[in-house]
């Protein structure tokens, strides 16, 4: 199970690793941890649009996992915002 720091809920995710992030560099913040304390998700504090990283596999059973759907939706929206921003810069 995964503890998500931002909404204080637990989610079941597909996290199968032999290695993991124990500590973060400055400028990164924990978003989720596993029950053993391993960092499962973090964000880049200075990211203006999208700067999230996860150590589980959100693509696994994507359509049936609300957390995975939310991650991919947010990433898609960030990509669209970036595209619009780039188009405005080119004019």
PDB file of N, CA and C in Angstrom:
ATOM      1  N   UNK A   1       0.842  -1.186   0.000  1.00  0.00           N
ATOM      2  CA  UNK A   1       0.000   0.000   0.000  1.00  0.00           C
ATOM      3  C   UNK A   1       0.879   1.238   0.000  1.00  0.00           C
ATOM      4  N   UNK A   2       0.299   2.291  -0.466  1.00  0.00           N
ATOM      5  CA  UNK A   2       1.021   3.545  -0.639  1.00  0.00           C
ATOM      6  C   UNK A   2       0.296   4.630   0.121  1.00  0.00           C
ATOM      7  N   UNK A   3       1.032   5.451   0.822  1.00  0.00           N
ATOM      8  CA  UNK A   3       0.453   6.598   1.513  1.00  0.00           C
ATOM      9  C   UNK A   3       0.740   7.833   0.684  1.00  0.00           C
ATOM     10  N   UNK A   4      -0.304   8.513   0.247  1.00  0.00           N
ATOM     11  CA  UNK A   4      -0.134   9.706  -0.569  1.00  0.00           C
ATOM     12  C   UNK A   4      -0.169  10.930   0.335  1.00  0.00           C
ATOM     13  N   UNK A   5       0.920  11.664   0.358  1.00  0.00           N
ATOM     14  CA  UNK A   5       1.072  12.764   1.303  1.00  0.00           C
ATOM     15  C   UNK A   5       0.073  13.892   1.079  1.00  0.00           C
ATOM     16  N   UNK A   6      -0.319  14.149  -0.149  1.00  0.00           N
ATOM     17  CA  UNK A   6      -1.141  15.310  -0.427  1.00  0.00           C
ATOM     18  C   UNK A   6      -2.580  15.166   0.026  1.00  0.00           C
ATOM     19  N   UNK A   7      -3.126  13.953   0.031  1.00  0.00           N
ATOM     20  CA  UNK A   7      -4.521  13.818   0.459  1.00  0.00           C
ATOM     21  C   UNK A   7      -4.698  12.832   1.609  1.00  0.00           C
ATOM     22  N   UNK A   8      -3.613  12.341   2.159  1.00  0.00           N
ATOM     23  CA  UNK A   8      -3.627  11.460   3.329  1.00  0.00           C
ATOM     24  C   UNK A   8      -4.521  10.233   3.140  1.00  0.00           C
ATOM     25  N   UNK A   9      -4.469   9.662   1.968  1.00  0.00           N
ATOM     26  CA  UNK A   9      -5.205   8.435   1.673  1.00  0.00           C
ATOM     27  C   UNK A   9      -4.210   7.336   1.316  1.00  0.00           C
ATOM     28  N   UNK A  10      -4.676   6.101   1.373  1.00  0.00           N
ATOM     29  CA  UNK A  10      -3.844   4.982   0.961  1.00  0.00           C
ATOM     30  C   UNK A  10      -4.355   4.430  -0.356  1.00  0.00           C
ATOM     31  N   UNK A  11      -3.406   4.050  -1.219  1.00  0.00           N
ATOM     32  CA  UNK A  11      -3.723   3.478  -2.519  1.00  0.00           C
ATOM     33  C   UNK A  11      -2.895   2.216  -2.707  1.00  0.00           C
ATOM     34  N   UNK A  12      -3.457   1.252  -3.385  1.00  0.00           N
ATOM     35  CA  UNK A  12      -2.696   0.062  -3.736  1.00  0.00           C
ATOM     36  C   UNK A  12      -2.097   0.296  -5.116  1.00  0.00           C
ATOM     37  N   UNK A  13      -0.789   0.137  -5.223  1.00  0.00           N
ATOM     38  CA  UNK A  13      -0.097   0.358  -6.497  1.00  0.00           C
ATOM     39  C   UNK A  13       0.820  -0.819  -6.785  1.00  0.00           C
ATOM     40  N   UNK A  14       1.260  -0.910  -8.017  1.00  0.00           N
ATOM     41  CA  UNK A  14       2.162  -1.970  -8.462  1.00  0.00           C
ATOM     42  C   UNK A  14       3.598  -1.480  -8.299  1.00  0.00           C
ATOM     43  N   UNK A  15       4.175  -1.770  -7.179  1.00  0.00           N
ATOM     44  CA  UNK A  15       5.523  -1.301  -6.872  1.00  0.00           C
ATOM     45  C   UNK A  15       6.413  -2.509  -6.595  1.00  0.00           C
ATOM     46  N   UNK A  16       7.194  -2.883  -7.586  1.00  0.00           N
ATOM     47  CA  UNK A  16       8.086  -4.041  -7.477  1.00  0.00           C
ATOM     48  C   UNK A  16       9.500  -3.588  -7.809  1.00  0.00           C
ATOM     49  N   UNK A  17      10.289  -3.312  -6.780  1.00  0.00           N
ATOM     50  CA  UNK A  17      11.620  -2.768  -7.023  1.00  0.00           C
ATOM     51  C   UNK A  17      12.659  -3.443  -6.143  1.00  0.00           C
ATOM     52  N   UNK A  18      13.864  -3.499  -6.677  1.00  0.00           N
ATOM     53  CA  UNK A  18      15.005  -3.941  -5.883  1.00  0.00           C
ATOM     54  C   UNK A  18      15.778  -2.742  -5.371  1.00  0.00           C
ATOM     55  N   UNK A  19      15.485  -1.566  -5.919  1.00  0.00           N
ATOM     56  CA  UNK A  19      16.146  -0.333  -5.514  1.00  0.00           C
ATOM     57  C   UNK A  19      15.072   0.735  -5.347  1.00  0.00           C
ATOM     58  N   UNK A  20      15.399   1.790  -4.634  1.00  0.00           N
ATOM     59  CA  UNK A  20      14.440   2.872  -4.469  1.00  0.00           C
ATOM     60  C   UNK A  20      15.099   4.116  -3.923  1.00  0.00           C
ATOM     61  N   UNK A  21      14.367   5.187  -3.940  1.00  0.00           N
ATOM     62  CA  UNK A  21      14.848   6.467  -3.434  1.00  0.00           C
ATOM     63  C   UNK A  21      14.668   6.492  -1.918  1.00  0.00           C
ATOM     64  N   UNK A  22      15.764   6.756  -1.212  1.00  0.00           N
ATOM     65  CA  UNK A  22      15.715   6.831   0.254  1.00  0.00           C
ATOM     66  C   UNK A  22      15.628   8.280   0.718  1.00  0.00           C
ATOM     67  N   UNK A  23      16.412   9.147   0.072  1.00  0.00           N
ATOM     68  CA  UNK A  23      16.398  10.568   0.416  1.00  0.00           C
ATOM     69  C   UNK A  23      16.335  11.374  -0.874  1.00  0.00           C
ATOM     70  N   UNK A  24      15.822  12.583  -0.749  1.00  0.00           N
ATOM     71  CA  UNK A  24      15.682  13.460  -1.923  1.00  0.00           C
ATOM     72  C   UNK A  24      16.692  14.598  -1.894  1.00  0.00           C
ATOM     73  N   UNK A  25      17.045  15.054  -3.060  1.00  0.00           N
ATOM     74  CA  UNK A  25      17.917  16.212  -3.192  1.00  0.00           C
ATOM     75  C   UNK A  25      17.122  17.475  -2.857  1.00  0.00           C
ATOM     76  N   UNK A  26      17.816  18.572  -2.541  1.00  0.00           N
ATOM     77  CA  UNK A  26      17.119  19.838  -2.315  1.00  0.00           C
ATOM     78  C   UNK A  26      16.290  20.201  -3.548  1.00  0.00           C
ATOM     79  N   UNK A  27      15.132  20.784  -3.315  1.00  0.00           N
ATOM     80  CA  UNK A  27      14.256  21.182  -4.410  1.00  0.00           C
ATOM     81  C   UNK A  27      13.241  20.121  -4.791  1.00  0.00           C
ATOM     82  N   UNK A  28      13.282  18.979  -4.128  1.00  0.00           N
ATOM     83  CA  UNK A  28      12.317  17.909  -4.356  1.00  0.00           C
ATOM     84  C   UNK A  28      11.522  17.676  -3.075  1.00  0.00           C
ATOM     85  N   UNK A  29      10.248  17.325  -3.221  1.00  0.00           N
ATOM     86  CA  UNK A  29       9.396  17.069  -2.053  1.00  0.00           C
ATOM     87  C   UNK A  29       8.671  15.738  -2.211  1.00  0.00           C
ATOM     88  N   UNK A  30       8.536  15.053  -1.104  1.00  0.00           N
ATOM     89  CA  UNK A  30       7.847  13.764  -1.090  1.00  0.00           C
ATOM     90  C   UNK A  30       6.351  13.961  -1.318  1.00  0.00           C
ATOM     91  N   UNK A  31       5.800  13.140  -2.199  1.00  0.00           N
ATOM     92  CA  UNK A  31       4.358  13.108  -2.436  1.00  0.00           C
ATOM     93  C   UNK A  31       3.749  11.824  -1.896  1.00  0.00           C
ATOM     94  N   UNK A  32       4.509  10.729  -1.871  1.00  0.00           N
ATOM     95  CA  UNK A  32       3.960   9.459  -1.404  1.00  0.00           C
ATOM     96  C   UNK A  32       5.078   8.557  -0.909  1.00  0.00           C
ATOM     97  N   UNK A  33       4.754   7.762   0.090  1.00  0.00           N
ATOM     98  CA  UNK A  33       5.690   6.776   0.608  1.00  0.00           C
ATOM     99  C   UNK A  33       4.980   5.430   0.759  1.00  0.00           C
ATOM    100  N   UNK A  34       5.760   4.389   0.751  1.00  0.00           N
ATOM    101  CA  UNK A  34       5.242   3.047   1.013  1.00  0.00           C
ATOM    102  C   UNK A  34       5.202   2.833   2.528  1.00  0.00           C
ATOM    103  N   UNK A  35       4.580   1.760   2.944  1.00  0.00           N
ATOM    104  CA  UNK A  35       4.463   1.488   4.380  1.00  0.00           C
ATOM    105  C   UNK A  35       5.821   1.310   5.063  1.00  0.00           C
ATOM    106  N   UNK A  36       6.841   0.934   4.285  1.00  0.00           N
ATOM    107  CA  UNK A  36       8.189   0.777   4.860  1.00  0.00           C
ATOM    108  C   UNK A  36       9.001   2.074   4.813  1.00  0.00           C
ATOM    109  N   UNK A  37       8.387   3.172   4.377  1.00  0.00           N
ATOM    110  CA  UNK A  37       9.061   4.462   4.342  1.00  0.00           C
ATOM    111  C   UNK A  37       9.742   4.797   3.033  1.00  0.00           C
ATOM    112  N   UNK A  38       9.805   3.852   2.096  1.00  0.00           N
ATOM    113  CA  UNK A  38      10.428   4.111   0.801  1.00  0.00           C
ATOM    114  C   UNK A  38       9.641   5.193   0.066  1.00  0.00           C
ATOM    115  N   UNK A  39      10.335   6.141  -0.499  1.00  0.00           N
ATOM    116  CA  UNK A  39       9.691   7.207  -1.261  1.00  0.00           C
ATOM    117  C   UNK A  39       9.183   6.626  -2.571  1.00  0.00           C
ATOM    118  N   UNK A  40       7.899   6.723  -2.803  1.00  0.00           N
ATOM    119  CA  UNK A  40       7.278   6.176  -4.012  1.00  0.00           C
ATOM    120  C   UNK A  40       6.926   7.250  -5.031  1.00  0.00           C
ATOM    121  N   UNK A  41       6.789   8.486  -4.589  1.00  0.00           N
ATOM    122  CA  UNK A  41       6.478   9.580  -5.518  1.00  0.00           C
ATOM    123  C   UNK A  41       7.031  10.876  -4.949  1.00  0.00           C
ATOM    124  N   UNK A  42       7.502  11.737  -5.846  1.00  0.00           N
ATOM    125  CA  UNK A  42       8.000  13.041  -5.413  1.00  0.00           C
ATOM    126  C   UNK A  42       7.769  14.060  -6.512  1.00  0.00           C
ATOM    127  N   UNK A  43       7.933  15.326  -6.142  1.00  0.00           N
ATOM    128  CA  UNK A  43       7.724  16.404  -7.108  1.00  0.00           C
ATOM    129  C   UNK A  43       8.925  17.345  -7.107  1.00  0.00           C
ATOM    130  N   UNK A  44       9.077  18.022  -8.223  1.00  0.00           N
ATOM    131  CA  UNK A  44      10.089  19.069  -8.364  1.00  0.00           C
ATOM    132  C   UNK A  44       9.417  20.361  -7.933  1.00  0.00           C
ATOM    133  N   UNK A  45       9.877  20.948  -6.858  1.00  0.00           N
ATOM    134  CA  UNK A  45       9.224  22.129  -6.293  1.00  0.00           C
ATOM    135  C   UNK A  45       9.124  23.297  -7.270  1.00  0.00           C
ATOM    136  N   UNK A  46      10.148  23.513  -8.071  1.00  0.00           N
ATOM    137  CA  UNK A  46      10.183  24.667  -8.968  1.00  0.00           C
ATOM    138  C   UNK A  46       9.515  24.424 -10.318  1.00  0.00           C
ATOM    139  N   UNK A  47       8.969  23.243 -10.528  1.00  0.00           N
ATOM    140  CA  UNK A  47       8.336  22.951 -11.823  1.00  0.00           C
ATOM    141  C   UNK A  47       7.112  23.844 -12.000  1.00  0.00           C
ATOM    142  N   UNK A  48       7.055  24.521 -13.132  1.00  0.00           N
ATOM    143  CA  UNK A  48       5.949  25.453 -13.357  1.00  0.00           C
ATOM    144  C   UNK A  48       4.696  24.776 -13.901  1.00  0.00           C
ATOM    145  N   UNK A  49       4.842  23.646 -14.561  1.00  0.00           N
ATOM    146  CA  UNK A  49       3.675  22.980 -15.138  1.00  0.00           C
ATOM    147  C   UNK A  49       3.497  21.582 -14.547  1.00  0.00           C
ATOM    148  N   UNK A  50       4.459  20.712 -14.697  1.00  0.00           N
ATOM    149  CA  UNK A  50       4.358  19.333 -14.226  1.00  0.00           C
ATOM    150  C   UNK A  50       5.749  18.840 -13.890  1.00  0.00           C
ATOM    151  N   UNK A  51       5.929  18.375 -12.686  1.00  0.00           N
ATOM    152  CA  UNK A  51       7.234  17.863 -12.291  1.00  0.00           C
ATOM    153  C   UNK A  51       7.090  16.774 -11.254  1.00  0.00           C
ATOM    154  N   UNK A  52       6.470  15.677 -11.633  1.00  0.00           N
ATOM    155  CA  UNK A  52       6.230  14.566 -10.718  1.00  0.00           C
ATOM    156  C   UNK A  52       6.964  13.325 -11.190  1.00  0.00           C
ATOM    157  N   UNK A  53       7.379  12.517 -10.240  1.00  0.00           N
ATOM    158  CA  UNK A  53       8.027  11.244 -10.543  1.00  0.00           C
ATOM    159  C   UNK A  53       7.433  10.187  -9.621  1.00  0.00           C
ATOM    160  N   UNK A  54       7.227   9.009 -10.167  1.00  0.00           N
ATOM    161  CA  UNK A  54       6.723   7.894  -9.368  1.00  0.00           C
ATOM    162  C   UNK A  54       7.635   6.697  -9.563  1.00  0.00           C
ATOM    163  N   UNK A  55       7.702   5.855  -8.539  1.00  0.00           N
ATOM    164  CA  UNK A  55       8.533   4.654  -8.623  1.00  0.00           C
ATOM    165  C   UNK A  55       7.702   3.397  -8.810  1.00  0.00           C
ATOM    166  N   UNK A  56       6.392   3.534  -8.824  1.00  0.00           N
ATOM    167  CA  UNK A  56       5.567   2.378  -9.127  1.00  0.00           C
ATOM    168  C   UNK A  56       5.230   2.418 -10.606  1.00  0.00           C
ATOM    169  N   UNK A  57       4.408   1.507 -11.052  1.00  0.00           N
ATOM    170  CA  UNK A  57       4.090   1.402 -12.476  1.00  0.00           C
ATOM    171  C   UNK A  57       2.646   1.833 -12.733  1.00  0.00           C
ATOM    172  N   UNK A  58       2.415   3.122 -12.981  1.00  0.00           N
ATOM    173  CA  UNK A  58       1.048   3.600 -13.176  1.00  0.00           C
ATOM    174  C   UNK A  58       0.412   3.081 -14.473  1.00  0.00           C
ATOM    175  N   UNK A  59       1.216   2.563 -15.383  1.00  0.00           N
ATOM    176  CA  UNK A  59       0.677   2.023 -16.634  1.00  0.00           C
ATOM    177  C   UNK A  59       0.033   0.649 -16.445  1.00  0.00           C
ATOM    178  N   UNK A  60       0.347  -0.016 -15.329  1.00  0.00           N
ATOM    179  CA  UNK A  60      -0.200  -1.340 -15.048  1.00  0.00           C
ATOM    180  C   UNK A  60      -1.669  -1.209 -14.677  1.00  0.00           C
ATOM    181  N   UNK A  61      -2.523  -1.885 -15.402  1.00  0.00           N
ATOM    182  CA  UNK A  61      -3.973  -1.827 -15.209  1.00  0.00           C
ATOM    183  C   UNK A  61      -4.465  -0.385 -15.125  1.00  0.00           C
ATOM    184  N   UNK A  62      -3.939   0.438 -16.010  1.00  0.00           N
ATOM    185  CA  UNK A  62      -4.210   1.876 -16.027  1.00  0.00           C
ATOM    186  C   UNK A  62      -5.697   2.209 -15.941  1.00  0.00           C
ATOM    187  N   UNK A  63      -6.518   1.543 -16.728  1.00  0.00           N
ATOM    188  CA  UNK A  63      -7.934   1.887 -16.810  1.00  0.00           C
ATOM    189  C   UNK A  63      -8.738   1.585 -15.563  1.00  0.00           C
ATOM    190  N   UNK A  64      -8.208   0.775 -14.668  1.00  0.00           N
ATOM    191  CA  UNK A  64      -8.957   0.413 -13.465  1.00  0.00           C
ATOM    192  C   UNK A  64      -8.381   1.024 -12.187  1.00  0.00           C
ATOM    193  N   UNK A  65      -7.390   1.873 -12.328  1.00  0.00           N
ATOM    194  CA  UNK A  65      -6.738   2.476 -11.161  1.00  0.00           C
ATOM    195  C   UNK A  65      -6.943   3.997 -11.185  1.00  0.00           C
ATOM    196  N   UNK A  66      -7.839   4.522 -10.326  1.00  0.00           N
ATOM    197  CA  UNK A  66      -8.113   5.963 -10.325  1.00  0.00           C
ATOM    198  C   UNK A  66      -6.865   6.834 -10.156  1.00  0.00           C
ATOM    199  N   UNK A  67      -5.918   6.397  -9.343  1.00  0.00           N
ATOM    200  CA  UNK A  67      -4.693   7.181  -9.149  1.00  0.00           C
ATOM    201  C   UNK A  67      -3.885   7.250 -10.442  1.00  0.00           C
ATOM    202  N   UNK A  68      -3.785   6.132 -11.156  1.00  0.00           N
ATOM    203  CA  UNK A  68      -3.064   6.119 -12.437  1.00  0.00           C
ATOM    204  C   UNK A  68      -3.768   7.003 -13.459  1.00  0.00           C
ATOM    205  N   UNK A  69      -5.074   6.903 -13.516  1.00  0.00           N
ATOM    206  CA  UNK A  69      -5.841   7.745 -14.446  1.00  0.00           C
ATOM    207  C   UNK A  69      -5.578   9.213 -14.145  1.00  0.00           C
ATOM    208  N   UNK A  70      -5.581   9.588 -12.882  1.00  0.00           N
ATOM    209  CA  UNK A  70      -5.341  10.982 -12.497  1.00  0.00           C
ATOM    210  C   UNK A  70      -3.939  11.449 -12.884  1.00  0.00           C
ATOM    211  N   UNK A  71      -2.942  10.590 -12.693  1.00  0.00           N
ATOM    212  CA  UNK A  71      -1.568  10.955 -13.056  1.00  0.00           C
ATOM    213  C   UNK A  71      -1.456  11.202 -14.562  1.00  0.00           C
ATOM    214  N   UNK A  72      -1.965  10.274 -15.367  1.00  0.00           N
ATOM    215  CA  UNK A  72      -1.865  10.427 -16.812  1.00  0.00           C
ATOM    216  C   UNK A  72      -2.703  11.598 -17.320  1.00  0.00           C
ATOM    217  N   UNK A  73      -3.835  11.853 -16.710  1.00  0.00           N
ATOM    218  CA  UNK A  73      -4.660  13.002 -17.090  1.00  0.00           C
ATOM    219  C   UNK A  73      -3.909  14.307 -16.794  1.00  0.00           C
ATOM    220  N   UNK A  74      -3.303  14.393 -15.612  1.00  0.00           N
ATOM    221  CA  UNK A  74      -2.536  15.594 -15.258  1.00  0.00           C
ATOM    222  C   UNK A  74      -1.344  15.780 -16.184  1.00  0.00           C
ATOM    223  N   UNK A  75      -0.684  14.688 -16.552  1.00  0.00           N
ATOM    224  CA  UNK A  75       0.450  14.783 -17.470  1.00  0.00           C
ATOM    225  C   UNK A  75      -0.009  15.252 -18.847  1.00  0.00           C
ATOM    226  N   UNK A  76      -1.115  14.711 -19.326  1.00  0.00           N
ATOM    227  CA  UNK A  76      -1.656  15.125 -20.627  1.00  0.00           C
ATOM    228  C   UNK A  76      -2.005  16.609 -20.611  1.00  0.00           C
ATOM    229  N   UNK A  77      -2.667  17.062 -19.551  1.00  0.00           N
ATOM    230  CA  UNK A  77      -3.034  18.478 -19.451  1.00  0.00           C
ATOM    231  C   UNK A  77      -1.792  19.368 -19.419  1.00  0.00           C
ATOM    232  N   UNK A  78      -0.760  18.922 -18.717  1.00  0.00           N
ATOM    233  CA  UNK A  78       0.487  19.688 -18.670  1.00  0.00           C
ATOM    234  C   UNK A  78       1.127  19.756 -20.049  1.00  0.00           C
ATOM    235  N   UNK A  79       1.077  18.658 -20.794  1.00  0.00           N
ATOM    236  CA  UNK A  79       1.622  18.651 -22.158  1.00  0.00           C
ATOM    237  C   UNK A  79       0.862  19.618 -23.051  1.00  0.00           C
ATOM    238  N   UNK A  80      -0.449  19.653 -22.908  1.00  0.00           N
ATOM    239  CA  UNK A  80      -1.261  20.566 -23.710  1.00  0.00           C
ATOM    240  C   UNK A  80      -0.953  22.022 -23.349  1.00  0.00           C
ATOM    241  N   UNK A  81      -0.795  22.309 -22.068  1.00  0.00           N
ATOM    242  CA  UNK A  81      -0.432  23.662 -21.634  1.00  0.00           C
ATOM    243  C   UNK A  81       0.928  24.063 -22.202  1.00  0.00           C
ATOM    244  N   UNK A  82       1.871  23.150 -22.155  1.00  0.00           N
ATOM    245  CA  UNK A  82       3.205  23.411 -22.687  1.00  0.00           C
ATOM    246  C   UNK A  82       3.139  23.690 -24.183  1.00  0.00           C
ATOM    247  N   UNK A  83       2.362  22.898 -24.898  1.00  0.00           N
ATOM    248  CA  UNK A  83       2.219  23.080 -26.337  1.00  0.00           C
ATOM    249  C   UNK A  83       1.633  24.459 -26.646  1.00  0.00           C
ATOM    250  N   UNK A  84       0.593  24.845 -25.935  1.00  0.00           N
ATOM    251  CA  UNK A  84      -0.005  26.168 -26.152  1.00  0.00           C
ATOM    252  C   UNK A  84       0.988  27.277 -25.837  1.00  0.00           C
ATOM    253  N   UNK A  85       1.736  27.117 -24.767  1.00  0.00           N
ATOM    254  CA  UNK A  85       2.752  28.103 -24.394  1.00  0.00           C
ATOM    255  C   UNK A  85       3.816  28.244 -25.487  1.00  0.00           C
ATOM    256  N   UNK A  86       4.268  27.129 -26.022  1.00  0.00           N
ATOM    257  CA  UNK A  86       5.277  27.139 -27.096  1.00  0.00           C
ATOM    258  C   UNK A  86       4.739  27.779 -28.368  1.00  0.00           C
ATOM    259  N   UNK A  87       3.476  27.523 -28.666  1.00  0.00           N
ATOM    260  CA  UNK A  87       2.871  28.120 -29.857  1.00  0.00           C
ATOM    261  C   UNK A  87       2.789  29.630 -29.720  1.00  0.00           C
ATOM    262  N   UNK A  88       2.458  30.119 -28.557  1.00  0.00           N
ATOM    263  CA  UNK A  88       2.376  31.562 -28.311  1.00  0.00           C
ATOM    264  C   UNK A  88       3.747  32.216 -28.433  1.00  0.00           C
ATOM    265  N   UNK A  89       4.785  31.508 -27.989  1.00  0.00           N
ATOM    266  CA  UNK A  89       6.155  32.025 -28.091  1.00  0.00           C
ATOM    267  C   UNK A  89       6.622  32.140 -29.530  1.00  0.00           C
ATOM    268  N   UNK A  90       6.132  31.296 -30.398  1.00  0.00           N
ATOM    269  CA  UNK A  90       6.621  31.282 -31.783  1.00  0.00           C
ATOM    270  C   UNK A  90       6.005  32.373 -32.642  1.00  0.00           C
ATOM    271  N   UNK A  91       4.997  33.063 -32.124  1.00  0.00           N
ATOM    272  CA  UNK A  91       4.376  34.151 -32.926  1.00  0.00           C
ATOM    273  C   UNK A  91       5.023  35.462 -32.666  1.00  0.00           C
TER     274      UNK A  91
END
